[in-house]
């Protein structure tokens, strides 16, 4: 089994990031889906082999536009989501994931946590870690082709 801590939209609110930082050492992957990608510089320095960072629409040049992680027989497409119109619908996101042969699509941008299947693709938004009202992240377990996502409120 492989485990992931997935976060997005920290927007410079490093206190929230510091609250979940103890989890980083315990999990196999740390994924930041953009808008606050520079907030992850220390984490990347501490865990370069397992930290993956997307660049969001509010970020400079730090992070990748999109990427795929393959683990335990599951292909996971990762992006911020703004280029796929995720505030309106998830069909373009799901289409891109399918084009890349992915079963799962991770995205941010909307600041709303959501787990939903779209056109056969499991679409997961961890919510906004830097949210003023309801910060959250996602804990994801992948085991032998099965994916179990859990949205975790940061209280």
C-alpha atoms as a PDB file:
ATOM      1  CA  UNK A   1       0.000   0.000   0.000  1.00  0.00           C
ATOM      2  CA  UNK A   2       1.154   3.520  -0.825  1.00  0.00           C
ATOM      3  CA  UNK A   3      -0.141   6.616   0.932  1.00  0.00           C
ATOM      4  CA  UNK A   4      -0.389  10.211  -0.242  1.00  0.00           C
ATOM      5  CA  UNK A   5      -0.924  13.558   1.448  1.00  0.00           C
ATOM      6  CA  UNK A   6      -2.538  15.780  -1.176  1.00  0.00           C
ATOM      7  CA  UNK A   7      -2.947  19.505  -0.682  1.00  0.00           C
ATOM      8  CA  UNK A   8      -3.701  22.541  -2.759  1.00  0.00           C
ATOM      9  CA  UNK A   9      -4.240  26.283  -2.659  1.00  0.00           C
ATOM     10  CA  UNK A  10      -2.177  27.060   0.433  1.00  0.00           C
ATOM     11  CA  UNK A  11      -1.743  30.639  -0.851  1.00  0.00           C
ATOM     12  CA  UNK A  12       1.115  31.467   1.526  1.00  0.00           C
ATOM     13  CA  UNK A  13      -0.644  30.316   4.673  1.00  0.00           C
ATOM     14  CA  UNK A  14       2.320  28.389   5.964  1.00  0.00           C
ATOM     15  CA  UNK A  15       0.883  27.956   9.476  1.00  0.00           C
ATOM     16  CA  UNK A  16      -1.680  25.516   8.059  1.00  0.00           C
ATOM     17  CA  UNK A  17       1.078  23.733   6.168  1.00  0.00           C
ATOM     18  CA  UNK A  18       3.141  23.491   9.357  1.00  0.00           C
ATOM     19  CA  UNK A  19       0.207  21.826  11.113  1.00  0.00           C
ATOM     20  CA  UNK A  20       0.200  18.887   8.698  1.00  0.00           C
ATOM     21  CA  UNK A  21       3.980  18.739   8.176  1.00  0.00           C
ATOM     22  CA  UNK A  22       4.384  15.899  10.721  1.00  0.00           C
ATOM     23  CA  UNK A  23       2.431  13.690   8.304  1.00  0.00           C
ATOM     24  CA  UNK A  24       4.948  14.174   5.525  1.00  0.00           C
ATOM     25  CA  UNK A  25       7.523  11.792   6.943  1.00  0.00           C
ATOM     26  CA  UNK A  26       4.910   9.059   7.477  1.00  0.00           C
ATOM     27  CA  UNK A  27       3.543   8.949   3.934  1.00  0.00           C
ATOM     28  CA  UNK A  28       4.965   7.763   0.630  1.00  0.00           C
ATOM     29  CA  UNK A  29       3.996  10.832  -1.429  1.00  0.00           C
ATOM     30  CA  UNK A  30       3.378  14.529  -0.801  1.00  0.00           C
ATOM     31  CA  UNK A  31       1.504  16.286  -3.625  1.00  0.00           C
ATOM     32  CA  UNK A  32       0.769  20.027  -3.775  1.00  0.00           C
ATOM     33  CA  UNK A  33      -1.626  20.918  -6.592  1.00  0.00           C
ATOM     34  CA  UNK A  34      -0.675  24.570  -6.959  1.00  0.00           C
ATOM     35  CA  UNK A  35      -1.453  28.113  -5.824  1.00  0.00           C
ATOM     36  CA  UNK A  36       1.139  28.255  -3.128  1.00  0.00           C
ATOM     37  CA  UNK A  37       3.697  26.007  -4.783  1.00  0.00           C
ATOM     38  CA  UNK A  38       6.544  28.069  -3.303  1.00  0.00           C
ATOM     39  CA  UNK A  39       5.184  27.223   0.160  1.00  0.00           C
ATOM     40  CA  UNK A  40       6.552  23.736  -0.503  1.00  0.00           C
ATOM     41  CA  UNK A  41      10.236  24.656  -0.925  1.00  0.00           C
ATOM     42  CA  UNK A  42      11.202  23.448   2.581  1.00  0.00           C
ATOM     43  CA  UNK A  43       9.174  20.275   2.194  1.00  0.00           C
ATOM     44  CA  UNK A  44      10.806  19.561  -1.153  1.00  0.00           C
ATOM     45  CA  UNK A  45      14.243  20.122   0.400  1.00  0.00           C
ATOM     46  CA  UNK A  46      13.428  17.692   3.224  1.00  0.00           C
ATOM     47  CA  UNK A  47      11.722  15.044   1.044  1.00  0.00           C
ATOM     48  CA  UNK A  48      12.839  15.525  -2.579  1.00  0.00           C
ATOM     49  CA  UNK A  49      12.235  11.885  -3.510  1.00  0.00           C
ATOM     50  CA  UNK A  50       8.539  11.957  -2.639  1.00  0.00           C
ATOM     51  CA  UNK A  51       7.377  15.569  -3.053  1.00  0.00           C
ATOM     52  CA  UNK A  52       5.536  16.530  -6.241  1.00  0.00           C
ATOM     53  CA  UNK A  53       4.481  20.114  -6.901  1.00  0.00           C
ATOM     54  CA  UNK A  54       2.143  21.582  -9.525  1.00  0.00           C
ATOM     55  CA  UNK A  55       2.193  25.180 -10.608  1.00  0.00           C
ATOM     56  CA  UNK A  56      -1.164  26.945 -10.254  1.00  0.00           C
ATOM     57  CA  UNK A  57      -2.554  30.045 -11.893  1.00  0.00           C
ATOM     58  CA  UNK A  58      -1.321  32.223  -8.989  1.00  0.00           C
ATOM     59  CA  UNK A  59       2.184  30.727  -8.945  1.00  0.00           C
ATOM     60  CA  UNK A  60       5.372  31.829 -10.644  1.00  0.00           C
ATOM     61  CA  UNK A  61       7.661  29.301 -12.242  1.00  0.00           C
ATOM     62  CA  UNK A  62       7.935  26.920  -9.262  1.00  0.00           C
ATOM     63  CA  UNK A  63       6.411  23.500  -9.896  1.00  0.00           C
ATOM     64  CA  UNK A  64       5.339  21.490 -12.926  1.00  0.00           C
ATOM     65  CA  UNK A  65       2.314  22.244 -15.088  1.00  0.00           C
ATOM     66  CA  UNK A  66       1.038  18.676 -14.769  1.00  0.00           C
ATOM     67  CA  UNK A  67       2.383  15.183 -14.230  1.00  0.00           C
ATOM     68  CA  UNK A  68       1.402  11.534 -13.770  1.00  0.00           C
ATOM     69  CA  UNK A  69       2.269   9.307 -10.822  1.00  0.00           C
ATOM     70  CA  UNK A  70       1.937   5.554 -11.263  1.00  0.00           C
ATOM     71  CA  UNK A  71       1.773   3.378  -8.174  1.00  0.00           C
ATOM     72  CA  UNK A  72       0.241   0.018  -7.232  1.00  0.00           C
ATOM     73  CA  UNK A  73      -1.307  -0.378 -10.686  1.00  0.00           C
ATOM     74  CA  UNK A  74      -3.011   3.043 -10.634  1.00  0.00           C
ATOM     75  CA  UNK A  75      -2.136   6.012 -12.862  1.00  0.00           C
ATOM     76  CA  UNK A  76      -2.829   9.385 -11.236  1.00  0.00           C
ATOM     77  CA  UNK A  77      -3.013  12.611 -13.248  1.00  0.00           C
ATOM     78  CA  UNK A  78      -2.059  15.713 -11.232  1.00  0.00           C
ATOM     79  CA  UNK A  79      -2.712  19.338 -12.192  1.00  0.00           C
ATOM     80  CA  UNK A  80      -4.025  22.575 -10.713  1.00  0.00           C
ATOM     81  CA  UNK A  81      -7.152  22.445 -12.855  1.00  0.00           C
ATOM     82  CA  UNK A  82      -7.470  26.001 -14.120  1.00  0.00           C
ATOM     83  CA  UNK A  83      -6.547  24.969 -17.674  1.00  0.00           C
ATOM     84  CA  UNK A  84      -9.390  22.429 -17.681  1.00  0.00           C
ATOM     85  CA  UNK A  85     -12.231  24.698 -16.536  1.00  0.00           C
ATOM     86  CA  UNK A  86     -12.830  22.802 -13.289  1.00  0.00           C
ATOM     87  CA  UNK A  87     -14.894  25.621 -11.798  1.00  0.00           C
ATOM     88  CA  UNK A  88     -17.578  24.871 -14.391  1.00  0.00           C
ATOM     89  CA  UNK A  89     -17.344  21.124 -15.075  1.00  0.00           C
ATOM     90  CA  UNK A  90     -14.932  18.205 -14.774  1.00  0.00           C
ATOM     91  CA  UNK A  91     -15.392  16.772 -18.277  1.00  0.00           C
ATOM     92  CA  UNK A  92     -12.217  18.330 -19.742  1.00  0.00           C
ATOM     93  CA  UNK A  93     -10.182  17.206 -16.713  1.00  0.00           C
ATOM     94  CA  UNK A  94     -11.519  13.653 -17.045  1.00  0.00           C
ATOM     95  CA  UNK A  95     -10.826  13.664 -20.787  1.00  0.00           C
ATOM     96  CA  UNK A  96      -7.193  14.686 -20.211  1.00  0.00           C
ATOM     97  CA  UNK A  97      -6.778  12.008 -17.541  1.00  0.00           C
ATOM     98  CA  UNK A  98      -8.179   9.371 -19.914  1.00  0.00           C
ATOM     99  CA  UNK A  99      -5.909  10.616 -22.707  1.00  0.00           C
ATOM    100  CA  UNK A 100      -2.955   9.925 -20.394  1.00  0.00           C
ATOM    101  CA  UNK A 101      -4.319   6.509 -19.387  1.00  0.00           C
ATOM    102  CA  UNK A 102      -5.110   7.619 -15.844  1.00  0.00           C
ATOM    103  CA  UNK A 103      -7.759   6.247 -13.493  1.00  0.00           C
ATOM    104  CA  UNK A 104      -7.586   9.192 -11.094  1.00  0.00           C
ATOM    105  CA  UNK A 105      -7.316  12.971 -11.539  1.00  0.00           C
ATOM    106  CA  UNK A 106      -6.123  15.222  -8.715  1.00  0.00           C
ATOM    107  CA  UNK A 107      -6.875  18.932  -9.041  1.00  0.00           C
ATOM    108  CA  UNK A 108      -7.287  22.112  -7.006  1.00  0.00           C
ATOM    109  CA  UNK A 109      -8.245  25.662  -8.021  1.00  0.00           C
ATOM    110  CA  UNK A 110     -11.882  25.662  -6.818  1.00  0.00           C
ATOM    111  CA  UNK A 111     -11.071  25.743  -3.077  1.00  0.00           C
ATOM    112  CA  UNK A 112     -13.864  23.159  -2.614  1.00  0.00           C
ATOM    113  CA  UNK A 113     -13.065  19.647  -1.454  1.00  0.00           C
ATOM    114  CA  UNK A 114     -14.738  17.057  -3.651  1.00  0.00           C
ATOM    115  CA  UNK A 115     -14.507  13.385  -4.554  1.00  0.00           C
ATOM    116  CA  UNK A 116     -16.529  12.506  -7.643  1.00  0.00           C
ATOM    117  CA  UNK A 117     -16.429  10.121 -10.566  1.00  0.00           C
ATOM    118  CA  UNK A 118     -16.600  11.771 -13.983  1.00  0.00           C
ATOM    119  CA  UNK A 119     -16.664   9.698 -17.167  1.00  0.00           C
ATOM    120  CA  UNK A 120     -14.985   6.760 -15.425  1.00  0.00           C
ATOM    121  CA  UNK A 121     -12.246   8.871 -13.808  1.00  0.00           C
ATOM    122  CA  UNK A 122     -12.130   9.398 -10.048  1.00  0.00           C
ATOM    123  CA  UNK A 123     -11.695  13.181  -9.666  1.00  0.00           C
ATOM    124  CA  UNK A 124     -10.366  14.390  -6.307  1.00  0.00           C
ATOM    125  CA  UNK A 125      -9.994  17.948  -5.070  1.00  0.00           C
ATOM    126  CA  UNK A 126      -8.441  18.179  -1.572  1.00  0.00           C
ATOM    127  CA  UNK A 127      -9.942  21.629  -0.990  1.00  0.00           C
ATOM    128  CA  UNK A 128      -7.850  24.617  -0.005  1.00  0.00           C
ATOM    129  CA  UNK A 129      -5.277  24.289   2.724  1.00  0.00           C
ATOM    130  CA  UNK A 130      -5.121  28.084   2.840  1.00  0.00           C
ATOM    131  CA  UNK A 131      -8.886  28.520   3.066  1.00  0.00           C
ATOM    132  CA  UNK A 132     -10.169  31.126   5.487  1.00  0.00           C
ATOM    133  CA  UNK A 133     -13.232  29.104   6.429  1.00  0.00           C
ATOM    134  CA  UNK A 134     -12.757  25.354   6.008  1.00  0.00           C
ATOM    135  CA  UNK A 135      -9.168  24.301   5.265  1.00  0.00           C
ATOM    136  CA  UNK A 136      -8.704  20.679   4.252  1.00  0.00           C
ATOM    137  CA  UNK A 137      -6.392  18.193   2.573  1.00  0.00           C
ATOM    138  CA  UNK A 138      -6.797  14.676   1.208  1.00  0.00           C
ATOM    139  CA  UNK A 139      -5.308  11.450   2.510  1.00  0.00           C
ATOM    140  CA  UNK A 140      -5.165   8.909  -0.315  1.00  0.00           C
ATOM    141  CA  UNK A 141      -4.375   5.212   0.000  1.00  0.00           C
ATOM    142  CA  UNK A 142      -3.590   3.162  -3.116  1.00  0.00           C
ATOM    143  CA  UNK A 143      -3.372  -0.607  -2.838  1.00  0.00           C
ATOM    144  CA  UNK A 144      -3.341  -3.197  -5.613  1.00  0.00           C
ATOM    145  CA  UNK A 145      -5.357  -1.103  -8.037  1.00  0.00           C
ATOM    146  CA  UNK A 146      -7.806   0.241  -5.462  1.00  0.00           C
ATOM    147  CA  UNK A 147      -7.946   3.895  -4.471  1.00  0.00           C
ATOM    148  CA  UNK A 148      -9.361   5.167  -1.169  1.00  0.00           C
ATOM    149  CA  UNK A 149      -9.527   8.971  -0.781  1.00  0.00           C
ATOM    150  CA  UNK A 150     -10.472  10.750   2.444  1.00  0.00           C
ATOM    151  CA  UNK A 151     -10.977  14.494   2.778  1.00  0.00           C
ATOM    152  CA  UNK A 152      -9.547  15.619   6.110  1.00  0.00           C
ATOM    153  CA  UNK A 153     -10.697  18.931   7.625  1.00  0.00           C
ATOM    154  CA  UNK A 154      -7.916  20.905   9.253  1.00  0.00           C
ATOM    155  CA  UNK A 155      -9.476  21.823  12.596  1.00  0.00           C
END
